[in-house]
């Protein structure tokens, strides 16, 4: 069985940054728009915080681009992330395949 066969059988995706295949049992990150990232390139809480703040600043009061939440909900999420970083420190956002 080739690596391609194994990937087609057990892989969940490839890292958007380095194209590394992600297999069952490995840690990875998945973005809200469905992109996969290996453990090395996974988002951290601070990355998400920066992205959310940019979205809030760059979009008018009626639109948050492609995000499915209100400005108030996004502001609450920003506050929760800031609190988590202050309390527990920054960390990568990982799940196991």
C-alpha atoms as a PDB file:
ATOM      1  CA  UNK A   1       0.000   0.000   0.000  1.00  0.00           C
ATOM      2  CA  UNK A   2       1.441   3.386  -0.972  1.00  0.00           C
ATOM      3  CA  UNK A   3       1.383   6.518   1.167  1.00  0.00           C
ATOM      4  CA  UNK A   4      -1.265   7.919  -1.192  1.00  0.00           C
ATOM      5  CA  UNK A   5      -3.442   4.842  -0.680  1.00  0.00           C
ATOM      6  CA  UNK A   6      -3.027   5.143   3.080  1.00  0.00           C
ATOM      7  CA  UNK A   7      -3.877   8.838   2.952  1.00  0.00           C
ATOM      8  CA  UNK A   8      -6.988   8.195   0.912  1.00  0.00           C
ATOM      9  CA  UNK A   9      -7.949   5.511   3.412  1.00  0.00           C
ATOM     10  CA  UNK A  10      -7.091   7.267   6.694  1.00  0.00           C
ATOM     11  CA  UNK A  11      -6.067  10.872   6.047  1.00  0.00           C
ATOM     12  CA  UNK A  12      -8.386  13.699   6.966  1.00  0.00           C
ATOM     13  CA  UNK A  13      -6.666  16.455   4.980  1.00  0.00           C
ATOM     14  CA  UNK A  14      -3.394  18.262   4.327  1.00  0.00           C
ATOM     15  CA  UNK A  15      -1.895  21.264   6.084  1.00  0.00           C
ATOM     16  CA  UNK A  16      -2.780  24.447   4.259  1.00  0.00           C
ATOM     17  CA  UNK A  17       0.682  25.876   5.045  1.00  0.00           C
ATOM     18  CA  UNK A  18       3.092  22.998   4.342  1.00  0.00           C
ATOM     19  CA  UNK A  19       0.882  20.429   2.543  1.00  0.00           C
ATOM     20  CA  UNK A  20       1.760  17.727   5.119  1.00  0.00           C
ATOM     21  CA  UNK A  21      -0.931  15.007   5.253  1.00  0.00           C
ATOM     22  CA  UNK A  22      -2.818  14.749   8.545  1.00  0.00           C
ATOM     23  CA  UNK A  23      -3.658  11.207   9.629  1.00  0.00           C
ATOM     24  CA  UNK A  24      -5.881   9.638  12.256  1.00  0.00           C
ATOM     25  CA  UNK A  25      -4.440  10.028  15.748  1.00  0.00           C
ATOM     26  CA  UNK A  26      -2.421  13.167  14.890  1.00  0.00           C
ATOM     27  CA  UNK A  27      -3.106  16.587  16.343  1.00  0.00           C
ATOM     28  CA  UNK A  28      -4.215  19.340  13.993  1.00  0.00           C
ATOM     29  CA  UNK A  29      -6.203  22.567  13.787  1.00  0.00           C
ATOM     30  CA  UNK A  30      -9.162  23.273  11.520  1.00  0.00           C
ATOM     31  CA  UNK A  31     -10.141  26.823  10.642  1.00  0.00           C
ATOM     32  CA  UNK A  32     -13.720  28.051  10.578  1.00  0.00           C
ATOM     33  CA  UNK A  33     -13.638  27.959   6.778  1.00  0.00           C
ATOM     34  CA  UNK A  34     -12.562  24.301   6.694  1.00  0.00           C
ATOM     35  CA  UNK A  35      -8.793  24.565   6.170  1.00  0.00           C
ATOM     36  CA  UNK A  36      -6.565  22.064   7.977  1.00  0.00           C
ATOM     37  CA  UNK A  37      -3.245  22.893   9.683  1.00  0.00           C
ATOM     38  CA  UNK A  38      -0.685  20.463  11.094  1.00  0.00           C
ATOM     39  CA  UNK A  39       0.421  20.790  14.711  1.00  0.00           C
ATOM     40  CA  UNK A  40       3.426  22.925  13.695  1.00  0.00           C
ATOM     41  CA  UNK A  41       1.220  25.434  11.827  1.00  0.00           C
ATOM     42  CA  UNK A  42      -1.882  25.330  14.053  1.00  0.00           C
ATOM     43  CA  UNK A  43      -3.444  28.607  15.149  1.00  0.00           C
ATOM     44  CA  UNK A  44      -2.862  29.842  18.667  1.00  0.00           C
ATOM     45  CA  UNK A  45      -5.414  31.707  20.746  1.00  0.00           C
ATOM     46  CA  UNK A  46      -3.457  34.909  20.131  1.00  0.00           C
ATOM     47  CA  UNK A  47      -3.644  34.315  16.345  1.00  0.00           C
ATOM     48  CA  UNK A  48      -7.434  34.006  16.570  1.00  0.00           C
ATOM     49  CA  UNK A  49      -7.610  37.082  18.787  1.00  0.00           C
ATOM     50  CA  UNK A  50      -5.693  39.172  16.241  1.00  0.00           C
ATOM     51  CA  UNK A  51      -7.862  37.863  13.389  1.00  0.00           C
ATOM     52  CA  UNK A  52     -11.111  38.579  15.255  1.00  0.00           C
ATOM     53  CA  UNK A  53     -10.009  42.102  16.160  1.00  0.00           C
ATOM     54  CA  UNK A  54      -9.113  42.786  12.513  1.00  0.00           C
ATOM     55  CA  UNK A  55     -12.495  41.505  11.332  1.00  0.00           C
ATOM     56  CA  UNK A  56     -14.276  43.700  13.850  1.00  0.00           C
ATOM     57  CA  UNK A  57     -12.236  46.776  12.836  1.00  0.00           C
ATOM     58  CA  UNK A  58     -12.461  46.241   9.075  1.00  0.00           C
ATOM     59  CA  UNK A  59     -16.176  45.558   8.722  1.00  0.00           C
ATOM     60  CA  UNK A  60     -19.056  47.968   9.123  1.00  0.00           C
ATOM     61  CA  UNK A  61     -21.697  47.590  11.786  1.00  0.00           C
ATOM     62  CA  UNK A  62     -23.967  45.514   9.549  1.00  0.00           C
ATOM     63  CA  UNK A  63     -21.477  43.014   8.174  1.00  0.00           C
ATOM     64  CA  UNK A  64     -18.704  40.824   9.510  1.00  0.00           C
ATOM     65  CA  UNK A  65     -17.705  39.477   6.158  1.00  0.00           C
ATOM     66  CA  UNK A  66     -18.299  35.725   6.093  1.00  0.00           C
ATOM     67  CA  UNK A  67     -18.609  35.296   9.871  1.00  0.00           C
ATOM     68  CA  UNK A  68     -21.933  33.975  11.078  1.00  0.00           C
ATOM     69  CA  UNK A  69     -22.272  36.115  14.214  1.00  0.00           C
ATOM     70  CA  UNK A  70     -23.177  39.630  15.257  1.00  0.00           C
ATOM     71  CA  UNK A  71     -20.668  42.316  16.185  1.00  0.00           C
ATOM     72  CA  UNK A  72     -21.720  41.926  19.836  1.00  0.00           C
ATOM     73  CA  UNK A  73     -21.162  38.159  19.687  1.00  0.00           C
ATOM     74  CA  UNK A  74     -17.731  38.679  18.129  1.00  0.00           C
ATOM     75  CA  UNK A  75     -16.849  41.274  20.795  1.00  0.00           C
ATOM     76  CA  UNK A  76     -17.904  38.777  23.501  1.00  0.00           C
ATOM     77  CA  UNK A  77     -15.751  36.099  21.890  1.00  0.00           C
ATOM     78  CA  UNK A  78     -12.776  38.497  21.821  1.00  0.00           C
ATOM     79  CA  UNK A  79     -13.296  39.239  25.508  1.00  0.00           C
ATOM     80  CA  UNK A  80     -13.459  35.512  26.349  1.00  0.00           C
ATOM     81  CA  UNK A  81     -10.236  34.789  24.426  1.00  0.00           C
ATOM     82  CA  UNK A  82      -8.448  37.689  26.130  1.00  0.00           C
ATOM     83  CA  UNK A  83      -9.585  36.367  29.513  1.00  0.00           C
ATOM     84  CA  UNK A  84      -8.420  32.825  28.716  1.00  0.00           C
ATOM     85  CA  UNK A  85      -4.989  34.061  27.577  1.00  0.00           C
ATOM     86  CA  UNK A  86      -4.659  36.202  30.708  1.00  0.00           C
ATOM     87  CA  UNK A  87      -5.714  33.323  32.960  1.00  0.00           C
ATOM     88  CA  UNK A  88      -4.109  30.286  31.321  1.00  0.00           C
ATOM     89  CA  UNK A  89      -1.646  31.683  28.801  1.00  0.00           C
ATOM     90  CA  UNK A  90      -1.539  31.374  25.044  1.00  0.00           C
ATOM     91  CA  UNK A  91      -1.806  27.922  23.488  1.00  0.00           C
ATOM     92  CA  UNK A  92      -2.293  26.260  20.124  1.00  0.00           C
ATOM     93  CA  UNK A  93      -5.838  25.245  19.288  1.00  0.00           C
ATOM     94  CA  UNK A  94      -5.516  21.531  18.588  1.00  0.00           C
ATOM     95  CA  UNK A  95      -7.774  18.534  18.183  1.00  0.00           C
ATOM     96  CA  UNK A  96      -6.964  14.914  17.468  1.00  0.00           C
ATOM     97  CA  UNK A  97      -7.913  13.350  14.163  1.00  0.00           C
END
